[in-house]
């Protein structure tokens, strides 16, 4: 798949990967964390919106579109937490943004695996790889959740 939409999708995803990685490791609550967090949110929204416009694989709304909607929901929920600042907002922000970034990593790994010459080039194989990666990221996220929460709260202002 080539064209302006594909290039926009890939560029936004790369920006989200890099800014998200920095946000994960930078001291929380500081101005740079907030700035790069906003960059991450807008890049994720652009990635998800463009994903919802791509139909070359099946020609219709499919499983990957559902994942894009979930990823968008995680990102927007994570963004809402520091804005609304309800009780327990910091923990909720960490959880939603962790799932947002993990979903981005899963999608990136899926794209990488289907682009490598591993003969994962038919819709059933692509969906199988996506399902395996999705479940793997879910398991990793559940396992890392307590650690991510402790690390984020430790670095919080």
Protein backbone atom coordinates (compact mmCIF):
# COMPACT_ATOMS: atom_id res chain seq x y z
CA UNK A 1 0.00 0.00 0.00
CA UNK A 2 1.40 3.35 -1.06
CA UNK A 3 0.14 6.86 -1.38
CA UNK A 4 -0.30 9.97 0.75
CA UNK A 5 -2.59 8.29 3.29
CA UNK A 6 -0.15 5.43 3.84
CA UNK A 7 2.79 7.80 4.25
CA UNK A 8 0.81 9.96 6.68
CA UNK A 9 -0.17 6.85 8.65
CA UNK A 10 3.41 5.59 8.89
CA UNK A 11 4.84 9.02 9.74
CA UNK A 12 2.27 9.56 12.51
CA UNK A 13 2.93 6.08 13.90
CA UNK A 14 6.70 6.68 13.96
CA UNK A 15 6.22 10.02 15.71
CA UNK A 16 3.95 8.30 18.26
CA UNK A 17 6.48 5.50 18.80
CA UNK A 18 9.34 7.93 19.45
CA UNK A 19 7.45 10.51 21.50
CA UNK A 20 5.73 7.74 23.49
CA UNK A 21 9.03 6.07 24.25
CA UNK A 22 10.42 9.37 25.53
CA UNK A 23 7.31 10.00 27.63
CA UNK A 24 7.62 6.54 29.20
CA UNK A 25 11.19 7.18 30.33
CA UNK A 26 11.18 10.94 31.06
CA UNK A 27 10.38 12.29 34.51
CA UNK A 28 6.63 12.58 34.81
CA UNK A 29 4.74 15.82 35.28
CA UNK A 30 7.45 18.08 33.90
CA UNK A 31 6.87 20.47 30.99
CA UNK A 32 8.72 18.24 28.50
CA UNK A 33 6.63 15.23 29.55
CA UNK A 34 3.47 17.22 28.95
CA UNK A 35 4.65 18.60 25.61
CA UNK A 36 5.74 15.24 24.26
CA UNK A 37 2.62 13.67 25.70
CA UNK A 38 0.53 16.04 23.59
CA UNK A 39 2.69 15.21 20.55
CA UNK A 40 2.07 11.53 21.30
CA UNK A 41 -1.70 12.02 21.63
CA UNK A 42 -2.01 13.91 18.33
CA UNK A 43 0.24 11.40 16.54
CA UNK A 44 -1.84 8.53 17.92
CA UNK A 45 -5.09 10.19 16.87
CA UNK A 46 -3.69 10.73 13.38
CA UNK A 47 -2.47 7.13 13.26
CA UNK A 48 -5.86 5.78 14.32
CA UNK A 49 -7.93 8.04 12.09
CA UNK A 50 -5.79 7.16 9.08
CA UNK A 51 -6.01 3.45 10.00
CA UNK A 52 -9.79 3.76 9.91
CA UNK A 53 -9.51 5.04 6.34
CA UNK A 54 -7.41 2.11 5.06
CA UNK A 55 -9.35 -0.77 3.50
CA UNK A 56 -6.87 -2.39 1.11
CA UNK A 57 -6.63 -5.69 2.99
CA UNK A 58 -10.28 -6.79 3.03
CA UNK A 59 -12.16 -3.97 1.32
CA UNK A 60 -14.39 -3.48 4.35
CA UNK A 61 -14.36 -2.63 8.05
CA UNK A 62 -12.39 -5.34 9.83
CA UNK A 63 -10.57 -6.49 12.93
CA UNK A 64 -7.74 -3.98 12.56
CA UNK A 65 -10.28 -1.16 12.44
CA UNK A 66 -11.68 -2.43 15.74
CA UNK A 67 -8.14 -2.33 17.17
CA UNK A 68 -7.73 1.24 15.89
CA UNK A 69 -10.94 2.26 17.66
CA UNK A 70 -9.77 0.61 20.88
CA UNK A 71 -6.41 2.32 20.62
CA UNK A 72 -8.13 5.66 20.08
CA UNK A 73 -10.33 5.05 23.12
CA UNK A 74 -7.28 4.22 25.29
CA UNK A 75 -5.50 7.36 24.12
CA UNK A 76 -8.49 9.66 24.64
CA UNK A 77 -9.23 8.16 28.07
CA UNK A 78 -5.57 8.66 29.05
CA UNK A 79 -5.71 12.26 27.86
CA UNK A 80 -8.93 12.94 29.76
CA UNK A 81 -7.48 11.88 33.13
CA UNK A 82 -5.05 14.80 33.72
CA UNK A 83 -7.56 17.24 32.25
CA UNK A 84 -10.47 16.19 34.46
CA UNK A 85 -8.31 15.34 37.51
CA UNK A 86 -10.90 13.27 39.30
CA UNK A 87 -9.90 11.14 42.27
CA UNK A 88 -7.39 8.50 41.19
CA UNK A 89 -6.68 10.28 37.92
CA UNK A 90 -2.93 9.64 37.97
CA UNK A 91 -3.29 5.88 38.25
CA UNK A 92 -5.98 5.87 35.55
CA UNK A 93 -3.81 8.06 33.29
CA UNK A 94 -0.89 5.65 33.64
CA UNK A 95 -3.10 2.64 32.91
CA UNK A 96 -4.83 4.10 29.84
CA UNK A 97 -1.65 5.50 28.34
CA UNK A 98 0.16 2.23 28.99
CA UNK A 99 -2.50 0.36 27.03
CA UNK A 100 -2.36 3.02 24.33
CA UNK A 101 1.39 2.59 23.89
CA UNK A 102 1.21 -1.20 24.10
CA UNK A 103 -1.44 -1.22 21.37
CA UNK A 104 0.85 0.92 19.22
CA UNK A 105 3.70 -1.53 19.81
CA UNK A 106 1.47 -4.46 18.87
CA UNK A 107 0.36 -2.77 15.65
CA UNK A 108 3.95 -1.86 14.81
CA UNK A 109 5.15 -5.41 15.37
CA UNK A 110 2.29 -6.70 13.25
CA UNK A 111 3.21 -4.36 10.41
CA UNK A 112 6.87 -5.32 10.69
CA UNK A 113 6.11 -9.03 10.57
CA UNK A 114 3.82 -8.80 7.56
CA UNK A 115 6.35 -6.64 5.68
CA UNK A 116 9.27 -9.03 6.24
CA UNK A 117 9.61 -11.86 3.71
CA UNK A 118 8.10 -14.46 6.05
CA UNK A 119 5.23 -15.41 3.71
CA UNK A 120 2.70 -13.73 5.98
CA UNK A 121 0.97 -12.24 2.98
CA UNK A 122 -2.59 -13.54 2.94
CA UNK A 123 -5.47 -12.16 5.02
CA UNK A 124 -5.76 -15.34 7.19
CA UNK A 125 -2.02 -15.28 7.96
CA UNK A 126 -2.05 -11.56 8.64
CA UNK A 127 -5.04 -11.91 10.98
CA UNK A 128 -3.37 -14.87 12.73
CA UNK A 129 -0.18 -12.88 13.29
CA UNK A 130 -2.29 -9.94 14.52
CA UNK A 131 -4.19 -12.16 16.94
CA UNK A 132 -1.00 -13.75 18.29
CA UNK A 133 0.64 -10.35 18.74
CA UNK A 134 -2.49 -8.89 20.30
CA UNK A 135 -2.70 -11.69 22.84
CA UNK A 136 1.03 -11.46 23.52
CA UNK A 137 0.84 -7.73 24.14
CA UNK A 138 -2.19 -8.23 26.36
CA UNK A 139 -0.28 -10.79 28.43
CA UNK A 140 2.79 -8.54 28.59
CA UNK A 141 0.64 -5.55 29.56
CA UNK A 142 -1.05 -7.44 32.35
CA UNK A 143 2.30 -8.70 33.62
CA UNK A 144 3.96 -5.27 33.44
CA UNK A 145 0.99 -3.29 34.74
CA UNK A 146 2.03 -3.21 38.41
CA UNK A 147 5.60 -2.28 37.48
CA UNK A 148 4.50 0.51 35.13
CA UNK A 149 2.20 1.92 37.77
CA UNK A 150 4.88 1.92 40.48
CA UNK A 151 7.43 3.51 38.15
CA UNK A 152 5.03 6.23 37.03
CA UNK A 153 3.87 7.06 40.53
CA UNK A 154 7.46 7.13 41.77
CA UNK A 155 8.35 9.74 39.11
CA UNK A 156 5.18 11.75 39.48
CA UNK A 157 5.40 15.30 40.83
